[in-house]
């Protein structure tokens, strides 16, 4: 039962994170006020990384910023390690 809630949680947080990422991409191309990188990273670290990381490369947004990518990949590694430890 808790696995189902975890999947629903990760999907919900991931979808919100992807919406924020797409909104930031739109604002970047239209030279409008942007979403802070810190906000995007927070959504990655609370579980949105599983949908946000592929979306970054699909929409080609933030995928060339090395510092941003290090933090994003660190979030993925931390989540995978945490899930592996929890479900082993």
PDB file of N, CA and C in Angstrom:
ATOM      1  N   UNK A   1       0.819  -1.191   0.000  1.00  0.00           N
ATOM      2  CA  UNK A   1       0.000   0.000   0.000  1.00  0.00           C
ATOM      3  C   UNK A   1       0.869   1.264   0.000  1.00  0.00           C
ATOM      4  N   UNK A   2       1.934   1.280   0.794  1.00  0.00           N
ATOM      5  CA  UNK A   2       2.769   2.478   0.830  1.00  0.00           C
ATOM      6  C   UNK A   2       3.514   2.693  -0.485  1.00  0.00           C
ATOM      7  N   UNK A   3       3.811   1.617  -1.206  1.00  0.00           N
ATOM      8  CA  UNK A   3       4.464   1.757  -2.503  1.00  0.00           C
ATOM      9  C   UNK A   3       3.563   2.494  -3.479  1.00  0.00           C
ATOM     10  N   UNK A   4       2.270   2.218  -3.438  1.00  0.00           N
ATOM     11  CA  UNK A   4       1.324   2.911  -4.311  1.00  0.00           C
ATOM     12  C   UNK A   4       1.290   4.404  -3.995  1.00  0.00           C
ATOM     13  N   UNK A   5       1.290   4.749  -2.711  1.00  0.00           N
ATOM     14  CA  UNK A   5       1.292   6.155  -2.318  1.00  0.00           C
ATOM     15  C   UNK A   5       2.582   6.844  -2.746  1.00  0.00           C
ATOM     16  N   UNK A   6       3.693   6.135  -2.651  1.00  0.00           N
ATOM     17  CA  UNK A   6       4.973   6.698  -3.079  1.00  0.00           C
ATOM     18  C   UNK A   6       4.966   6.979  -4.575  1.00  0.00           C
ATOM     19  N   UNK A   7       4.451   6.050  -5.353  1.00  0.00           N
ATOM     20  CA  UNK A   7       4.383   6.243  -6.811  1.00  0.00           C
ATOM     21  C   UNK A   7       3.486   7.421  -7.155  1.00  0.00           C
ATOM     22  N   UNK A   8       2.340   7.511  -6.512  1.00  0.00           N
ATOM     23  CA  UNK A   8       1.428   8.641  -6.753  1.00  0.00           C
ATOM     24  C   UNK A   8       2.102   9.953  -6.370  1.00  0.00           C
ATOM     25  N   UNK A   9       2.777   9.960  -5.223  1.00  0.00           N
ATOM     26  CA  UNK A   9       3.486  11.156  -4.769  1.00  0.00           C
ATOM     27  C   UNK A   9       4.549  11.572  -5.785  1.00  0.00           C
ATOM     28  N   UNK A  10       5.387  10.617  -6.220  1.00  0.00           N
ATOM     29  CA  UNK A  10       6.455  10.940  -7.160  1.00  0.00           C
ATOM     30  C   UNK A  10       5.911  11.428  -8.494  1.00  0.00           C
ATOM     31  N   UNK A  11       4.813  10.840  -8.944  1.00  0.00           N
ATOM     32  CA  UNK A  11       4.189  11.310 -10.189  1.00  0.00           C
ATOM     33  C   UNK A  11       3.651  12.729 -10.039  1.00  0.00           C
ATOM     34  N   UNK A  12       2.968  12.988  -8.934  1.00  0.00           N
ATOM     35  CA  UNK A  12       2.393  14.321  -8.718  1.00  0.00           C
ATOM     36  C   UNK A  12       3.485  15.386  -8.625  1.00  0.00           C
ATOM     37  N   UNK A  13       4.511  15.114  -7.827  1.00  0.00           N
ATOM     38  CA  UNK A  13       5.606  16.074  -7.677  1.00  0.00           C
ATOM     39  C   UNK A  13       6.353  16.223  -9.001  1.00  0.00           C
ATOM     40  N   UNK A  14       6.530  15.123  -9.719  1.00  0.00           N
ATOM     41  CA  UNK A  14       7.207  15.180 -11.007  1.00  0.00           C
ATOM     42  C   UNK A  14       6.452  15.998 -12.038  1.00  0.00           C
ATOM     43  N   UNK A  15       5.158  15.830 -12.083  1.00  0.00           N
ATOM     44  CA  UNK A  15       4.340  16.590 -13.044  1.00  0.00           C
ATOM     45  C   UNK A  15       4.406  18.086 -12.722  1.00  0.00           C
ATOM     46  N   UNK A  16       4.302  18.430 -11.445  1.00  0.00           N
ATOM     47  CA  UNK A  16       4.409  19.840 -11.063  1.00  0.00           C
ATOM     48  C   UNK A  16       5.792  20.379 -11.429  1.00  0.00           C
ATOM     49  N   UNK A  17       6.829  19.588 -11.181  1.00  0.00           N
ATOM     50  CA  UNK A  17       8.182  20.003 -11.525  1.00  0.00           C
ATOM     51  C   UNK A  17       8.368  20.215 -13.023  1.00  0.00           C
ATOM     52  N   UNK A  18       7.803  19.337 -13.821  1.00  0.00           N
ATOM     53  CA  UNK A  18       7.906  19.479 -15.281  1.00  0.00           C
ATOM     54  C   UNK A  18       7.140  20.721 -15.747  1.00  0.00           C
ATOM     55  N   UNK A  19       5.993  20.973 -15.144  1.00  0.00           N
ATOM     56  CA  UNK A  19       5.242  22.193 -15.486  1.00  0.00           C
ATOM     57  C   UNK A  19       6.078  23.427 -15.168  1.00  0.00           C
ATOM     58  N   UNK A  20       6.737  23.436 -13.999  1.00  0.00           N
ATOM     59  CA  UNK A  20       7.603  24.563 -13.654  1.00  0.00           C
ATOM     60  C   UNK A  20       8.764  24.692 -14.639  1.00  0.00           C
ATOM     61  N   UNK A  21       9.358  23.577 -15.012  1.00  0.00           N
ATOM     62  CA  UNK A  21      10.473  23.588 -15.955  1.00  0.00           C
ATOM     63  C   UNK A  21      10.034  24.116 -17.324  1.00  0.00           C
ATOM     64  N   UNK A  22       8.891  23.659 -17.797  1.00  0.00           N
ATOM     65  CA  UNK A  22       8.369  24.135 -19.094  1.00  0.00           C
ATOM     66  C   UNK A  22       7.995  25.608 -19.026  1.00  0.00           C
ATOM     67  N   UNK A  23       7.454  26.028 -17.897  1.00  0.00           N
ATOM     68  CA  UNK A  23       7.122  27.442 -17.727  1.00  0.00           C
ATOM     69  C   UNK A  23       8.379  28.292 -17.759  1.00  0.00           C
ATOM     70  N   UNK A  24       9.432  27.818 -17.103  1.00  0.00           N
ATOM     71  CA  UNK A  24      10.698  28.554 -17.115  1.00  0.00           C
ATOM     72  C   UNK A  24      11.282  28.612 -18.521  1.00  0.00           C
ATOM     73  N   UNK A  25      11.176  27.540 -19.262  1.00  0.00           N
ATOM     74  CA  UNK A  25      11.651  27.522 -20.657  1.00  0.00           C
ATOM     75  C   UNK A  25      10.876  28.543 -21.491  1.00  0.00           C
ATOM     76  N   UNK A  26       9.556  28.568 -21.317  1.00  0.00           N
ATOM     77  CA  UNK A  26       8.732  29.529 -22.046  1.00  0.00           C
ATOM     78  C   UNK A  26       9.133  30.958 -21.697  1.00  0.00           C
ATOM     79  N   UNK A  27       9.313  31.210 -20.394  1.00  0.00           N
ATOM     80  CA  UNK A  27       9.681  32.556 -19.959  1.00  0.00           C
ATOM     81  C   UNK A  27      11.066  32.935 -20.458  1.00  0.00           C
ATOM     82  N   UNK A  28      11.964  31.974 -20.541  1.00  0.00           N
ATOM     83  CA  UNK A  28      13.318  32.253 -21.032  1.00  0.00           C
ATOM     84  C   UNK A  28      13.292  32.647 -22.500  1.00  0.00           C
ATOM     85  N   UNK A  29      12.482  31.973 -23.292  1.00  0.00           N
ATOM     86  CA  UNK A  29      12.435  32.289 -24.727  1.00  0.00           C
ATOM     87  C   UNK A  29      11.674  33.569 -25.015  1.00  0.00           C
ATOM     88  N   UNK A  30      10.818  33.982 -24.090  1.00  0.00           N
ATOM     89  CA  UNK A  30      10.047  35.212 -24.275  1.00  0.00           C
ATOM     90  C   UNK A  30      10.562  36.367 -23.417  1.00  0.00           C
ATOM     91  N   UNK A  31      11.761  36.199 -22.866  1.00  0.00           N
ATOM     92  CA  UNK A  31      12.432  37.225 -22.075  1.00  0.00           C
ATOM     93  C   UNK A  31      11.542  37.802 -20.976  1.00  0.00           C
ATOM     94  N   UNK A  32      10.947  36.919 -20.205  1.00  0.00           N
ATOM     95  CA  UNK A  32      10.098  37.328 -19.095  1.00  0.00           C
ATOM     96  C   UNK A  32      10.752  36.920 -17.785  1.00  0.00           C
ATOM     97  N   UNK A  33      10.119  37.309 -16.683  1.00  0.00           N
ATOM     98  CA  UNK A  33      10.599  36.947 -15.359  1.00  0.00           C
ATOM     99  C   UNK A  33      10.685  35.440 -15.246  1.00  0.00           C
ATOM    100  N   UNK A  34      11.803  34.935 -14.730  1.00  0.00           N
ATOM    101  CA  UNK A  34      12.072  33.499 -14.704  1.00  0.00           C
ATOM    102  C   UNK A  34      11.802  32.888 -13.339  1.00  0.00           C
ATOM    103  N   UNK A  35      11.677  31.571 -13.326  1.00  0.00           N
ATOM    104  CA  UNK A  35      11.565  30.812 -12.088  1.00  0.00           C
ATOM    105  C   UNK A  35      12.986  30.591 -11.574  1.00  0.00           C
ATOM    106  N   UNK A  36      13.197  30.790 -10.277  1.00  0.00           N
ATOM    107  CA  UNK A  36      14.538  30.650  -9.712  1.00  0.00           C
ATOM    108  C   UNK A  36      15.015  29.200  -9.821  1.00  0.00           C
ATOM    109  N   UNK A  37      16.320  29.056 -10.074  1.00  0.00           N
ATOM    110  CA  UNK A  37      16.903  27.717 -10.130  1.00  0.00           C
ATOM    111  C   UNK A  37      16.720  26.995  -8.803  1.00  0.00           C
ATOM    112  N   UNK A  38      16.783  27.733  -7.724  1.00  0.00           N
ATOM    113  CA  UNK A  38      16.601  27.140  -6.399  1.00  0.00           C
ATOM    114  C   UNK A  38      15.236  26.470  -6.291  1.00  0.00           C
ATOM    115  N   UNK A  39      14.211  27.109  -6.847  1.00  0.00           N
ATOM    116  CA  UNK A  39      12.866  26.529  -6.828  1.00  0.00           C
ATOM    117  C   UNK A  39      12.823  25.236  -7.631  1.00  0.00           C
ATOM    118  N   UNK A  40      13.450  25.234  -8.787  1.00  0.00           N
ATOM    119  CA  UNK A  40      13.486  24.023  -9.608  1.00  0.00           C
ATOM    120  C   UNK A  40      14.241  22.903  -8.891  1.00  0.00           C
ATOM    121  N   UNK A  41      15.343  23.258  -8.239  1.00  0.00           N
ATOM    122  CA  UNK A  41      16.097  22.246  -7.498  1.00  0.00           C
ATOM    123  C   UNK A  41      15.292  21.701  -6.316  1.00  0.00           C
ATOM    124  N   UNK A  42      14.559  22.541  -5.655  1.00  0.00           N
ATOM    125  CA  UNK A  42      13.730  22.060  -4.539  1.00  0.00           C
ATOM    126  C   UNK A  42      12.754  21.009  -5.038  1.00  0.00           C
ATOM    127  N   UNK A  43      12.109  21.275  -6.171  1.00  0.00           N
ATOM    128  CA  UNK A  43      11.165  20.297  -6.726  1.00  0.00           C
ATOM    129  C   UNK A  43      11.866  19.012  -7.147  1.00  0.00           C
ATOM    130  N   UNK A  44      13.108  19.123  -7.606  1.00  0.00           N
ATOM    131  CA  UNK A  44      13.881  17.913  -7.923  1.00  0.00           C
ATOM    132  C   UNK A  44      14.152  17.106  -6.658  1.00  0.00           C
ATOM    133  N   UNK A  45      14.607  17.780  -5.612  1.00  0.00           N
ATOM    134  CA  UNK A  45      15.004  17.090  -4.384  1.00  0.00           C
ATOM    135  C   UNK A  45      13.826  16.510  -3.620  1.00  0.00           C
ATOM    136  N   UNK A  46      12.623  17.058  -3.800  1.00  0.00           N
ATOM    137  CA  UNK A  46      11.475  16.468  -3.092  1.00  0.00           C
ATOM    138  C   UNK A  46      10.835  15.347  -3.901  1.00  0.00           C
ATOM    139  N   UNK A  47      11.443  14.983  -5.024  1.00  0.00           N
ATOM    140  CA  UNK A  47      10.993  13.802  -5.751  1.00  0.00           C
ATOM    141  C   UNK A  47      10.660  14.003  -7.212  1.00  0.00           C
ATOM    142  N   UNK A  48      10.725  15.226  -7.688  1.00  0.00           N
ATOM    143  CA  UNK A  48      10.374  15.476  -9.079  1.00  0.00           C
ATOM    144  C   UNK A  48      11.450  15.125 -10.078  1.00  0.00           C
ATOM    145  N   UNK A  49      12.609  14.725  -9.596  1.00  0.00           N
ATOM    146  CA  UNK A  49      13.755  14.483 -10.461  1.00  0.00           C
ATOM    147  C   UNK A  49      13.495  13.396 -11.502  1.00  0.00           C
ATOM    148  N   UNK A  50      12.663  12.417 -11.182  1.00  0.00           N
ATOM    149  CA  UNK A  50      12.437  11.302 -12.106  1.00  0.00           C
ATOM    150  C   UNK A  50      11.727  11.732 -13.386  1.00  0.00           C
ATOM    151  N   UNK A  51      10.944  12.781 -13.319  1.00  0.00           N
ATOM    152  CA  UNK A  51      10.309  13.309 -14.532  1.00  0.00           C
ATOM    153  C   UNK A  51      11.007  14.573 -15.033  1.00  0.00           C
ATOM    154  N   UNK A  52      11.601  15.328 -14.127  1.00  0.00           N
ATOM    155  CA  UNK A  52      12.226  16.587 -14.522  1.00  0.00           C
ATOM    156  C   UNK A  52      13.522  16.382 -15.306  1.00  0.00           C
ATOM    157  N   UNK A  53      14.316  15.398 -14.918  1.00  0.00           N
ATOM    158  CA  UNK A  53      15.590  15.188 -15.608  1.00  0.00           C
ATOM    159  C   UNK A  53      15.381  14.805 -17.079  1.00  0.00           C
ATOM    160  N   UNK A  54      14.526  13.837 -17.391  1.00  0.00           N
ATOM    161  CA  UNK A  54      14.281  13.569 -18.820  1.00  0.00           C
ATOM    162  C   UNK A  54      13.672  14.772 -19.540  1.00  0.00           C
ATOM    163  N   UNK A  55      12.791  15.498 -18.856  1.00  0.00           N
ATOM    164  CA  UNK A  55      12.163  16.671 -19.476  1.00  0.00           C
ATOM    165  C   UNK A  55      13.201  17.735 -19.806  1.00  0.00           C
ATOM    166  N   UNK A  56      14.221  17.886 -18.962  1.00  0.00           N
ATOM    167  CA  UNK A  56      15.281  18.859 -19.231  1.00  0.00           C
ATOM    168  C   UNK A  56      15.933  18.604 -20.579  1.00  0.00           C
ATOM    169  N   UNK A  57      16.157  17.339 -20.881  1.00  0.00           N
ATOM    170  CA  UNK A  57      16.828  17.004 -22.138  1.00  0.00           C
ATOM    171  C   UNK A  57      15.854  16.984 -23.314  1.00  0.00           C
ATOM    172  N   UNK A  58      14.609  16.655 -23.059  1.00  0.00           N
ATOM    173  CA  UNK A  58      13.616  16.646 -24.137  1.00  0.00           C
ATOM    174  C   UNK A  58      13.321  18.059 -24.622  1.00  0.00           C
ATOM    175  N   UNK A  59      13.119  18.990 -23.669  1.00  0.00           N
ATOM    176  CA  UNK A  59      12.812  20.364 -24.077  1.00  0.00           C
ATOM    177  C   UNK A  59      14.064  21.226 -24.213  1.00  0.00           C
ATOM    178  N   UNK A  60      15.233  20.625 -23.946  1.00  0.00           N
ATOM    179  CA  UNK A  60      16.531  21.304 -24.066  1.00  0.00           C
ATOM    180  C   UNK A  60      16.585  22.561 -23.218  1.00  0.00           C
ATOM    181  N   UNK A  61      16.329  22.383 -21.945  1.00  0.00           N
ATOM    182  CA  UNK A  61      16.358  23.514 -21.020  1.00  0.00           C
ATOM    183  C   UNK A  61      17.218  23.154 -19.819  1.00  0.00           C
ATOM    184  N   UNK A  62      18.181  23.979 -19.528  1.00  0.00           N
ATOM    185  CA  UNK A  62      19.108  23.809 -18.402  1.00  0.00           C
ATOM    186  C   UNK A  62      20.057  22.628 -18.589  1.00  0.00           C
ATOM    187  N   UNK A  63      20.097  22.022 -19.769  1.00  0.00           N
ATOM    188  CA  UNK A  63      20.928  20.836 -19.934  1.00  0.00           C
ATOM    189  C   UNK A  63      22.383  21.173 -20.255  1.00  0.00           C
ATOM    190  N   UNK A  64      22.707  22.434 -20.500  1.00  0.00           N
ATOM    191  CA  UNK A  64      24.095  22.808 -20.756  1.00  0.00           C
ATOM    192  C   UNK A  64      24.758  23.499 -19.574  1.00  0.00           C
ATOM    193  N   UNK A  65      23.972  23.800 -18.543  1.00  0.00           N
ATOM    194  CA  UNK A  65      24.539  24.439 -17.353  1.00  0.00           C
ATOM    195  C   UNK A  65      25.140  23.362 -16.452  1.00  0.00           C
ATOM    196  N   UNK A  66      26.458  23.329 -16.391  1.00  0.00           N
ATOM    197  CA  UNK A  66      27.160  22.265 -15.672  1.00  0.00           C
ATOM    198  C   UNK A  66      26.799  22.264 -14.194  1.00  0.00           C
ATOM    199  N   UNK A  67      26.821  23.420 -13.558  1.00  0.00           N
ATOM    200  CA  UNK A  67      26.519  23.491 -12.123  1.00  0.00           C
ATOM    201  C   UNK A  67      25.096  23.015 -11.841  1.00  0.00           C
ATOM    202  N   UNK A  68      24.171  23.398 -12.696  1.00  0.00           N
ATOM    203  CA  UNK A  68      22.782  22.967 -12.512  1.00  0.00           C
ATOM    204  C   UNK A  68      22.678  21.447 -12.666  1.00  0.00           C
ATOM    205  N   UNK A  69      23.351  20.921 -13.653  1.00  0.00           N
ATOM    206  CA  UNK A  69      23.300  19.473 -13.899  1.00  0.00           C
ATOM    207  C   UNK A  69      23.899  18.663 -12.767  1.00  0.00           C
ATOM    208  N   UNK A  70      24.974  19.150 -12.155  1.00  0.00           N
ATOM    209  CA  UNK A  70      25.583  18.423 -11.026  1.00  0.00           C
ATOM    210  C   UNK A  70      24.572  18.251  -9.901  1.00  0.00           C
ATOM    211  N   UNK A  71      23.861  19.320  -9.591  1.00  0.00           N
ATOM    212  CA  UNK A  71      22.883  19.255  -8.507  1.00  0.00           C
ATOM    213  C   UNK A  71      21.729  18.333  -8.894  1.00  0.00           C
ATOM    214  N   UNK A  72      21.292  18.403 -10.140  1.00  0.00           N
ATOM    215  CA  UNK A  72      20.193  17.543 -10.601  1.00  0.00           C
ATOM    216  C   UNK A  72      20.576  16.074 -10.549  1.00  0.00           C
ATOM    217  N   UNK A  73      21.762  15.748 -11.052  1.00  0.00           N
ATOM    218  CA  UNK A  73      22.198  14.345 -11.033  1.00  0.00           C
ATOM    219  C   UNK A  73      22.445  13.859  -9.609  1.00  0.00           C
ATOM    220  N   UNK A  74      22.893  14.752  -8.739  1.00  0.00           N
ATOM    221  CA  UNK A  74      23.069  14.380  -7.326  1.00  0.00           C
ATOM    222  C   UNK A  74      21.723  14.040  -6.694  1.00  0.00           C
ATOM    223  N   UNK A  75      20.688  14.794  -7.058  1.00  0.00           N
ATOM    224  CA  UNK A  75      19.343  14.497  -6.549  1.00  0.00           C
ATOM    225  C   UNK A  75      18.890  13.119  -7.019  1.00  0.00           C
ATOM    226  N   UNK A  76      19.152  12.803  -8.282  1.00  0.00           N
ATOM    227  CA  UNK A  76      18.770  11.493  -8.807  1.00  0.00           C
ATOM    228  C   UNK A  76      19.506  10.369  -8.072  1.00  0.00           C
ATOM    229  N   UNK A  77      20.802  10.534  -7.892  1.00  0.00           N
ATOM    230  CA  UNK A  77      21.587   9.509  -7.196  1.00  0.00           C
ATOM    231  C   UNK A  77      21.077   9.340  -5.763  1.00  0.00           C
ATOM    232  N   UNK A  78      20.793  10.446  -5.090  1.00  0.00           N
ATOM    233  CA  UNK A  78      20.296  10.368  -3.712  1.00  0.00           C
ATOM    234  C   UNK A  78      18.954   9.652  -3.648  1.00  0.00           C
ATOM    235  N   UNK A  79      18.056   9.960  -4.569  1.00  0.00           N
ATOM    236  CA  UNK A  79      16.744   9.302  -4.575  1.00  0.00           C
ATOM    237  C   UNK A  79      16.864   7.812  -4.885  1.00  0.00           C
ATOM    238  N   UNK A  80      17.677   7.472  -5.866  1.00  0.00           N
ATOM    239  CA  UNK A  80      17.840   6.060  -6.214  1.00  0.00           C
ATOM    240  C   UNK A  80      18.458   5.304  -5.039  1.00  0.00           C
ATOM    241  N   UNK A  81      19.452   5.889  -4.407  1.00  0.00           N
ATOM    242  CA  UNK A  81      20.084   5.234  -3.248  1.00  0.00           C
ATOM    243  C   UNK A  81      19.082   5.088  -2.100  1.00  0.00           C
ATOM    244  N   UNK A  82      18.296   6.121  -1.862  1.00  0.00           N
ATOM    245  CA  UNK A  82      17.294   6.059  -0.800  1.00  0.00           C
ATOM    246  C   UNK A  82      16.224   5.018  -1.064  1.00  0.00           C
ATOM    247  N   UNK A  83      15.779   4.948  -2.298  1.00  0.00           N
ATOM    248  CA  UNK A  83      14.769   3.948  -2.648  1.00  0.00           C
ATOM    249  C   UNK A  83      15.345   2.528  -2.589  1.00  0.00           C
ATOM    250  N   UNK A  84      16.576   2.384  -3.055  1.00  0.00           N
ATOM    251  CA  UNK A  84      17.218   1.074  -2.994  1.00  0.00           C
ATOM    252  C   UNK A  84      17.363   0.626  -1.549  1.00  0.00           C
ATOM    253  N   UNK A  85      17.799   1.542  -0.701  1.00  0.00           N
ATOM    254  CA  UNK A  85      17.964   1.197   0.712  1.00  0.00           C
ATOM    255  C   UNK A  85      16.619   0.870   1.374  1.00  0.00           C
ATOM    256  N   UNK A  86      15.588   1.592   1.005  1.00  0.00           N
ATOM    257  CA  UNK A  86      14.263   1.394   1.611  1.00  0.00           C
ATOM    258  C   UNK A  86      13.601   0.091   1.195  1.00  0.00           C
ATOM    259  N   UNK A  87      13.830  -0.330  -0.047  1.00  0.00           N
ATOM    260  CA  UNK A  87      13.110  -1.485  -0.574  1.00  0.00           C
ATOM    261  C   UNK A  87      13.965  -2.734  -0.764  1.00  0.00           C
ATOM    262  N   UNK A  88      15.153  -2.747  -0.233  1.00  0.00           N
ATOM    263  CA  UNK A  88      16.006  -3.938  -0.407  1.00  0.00           C
ATOM    264  C   UNK A  88      15.630  -5.027   0.545  1.00  0.00           C
TER     265      UNK A  88
END
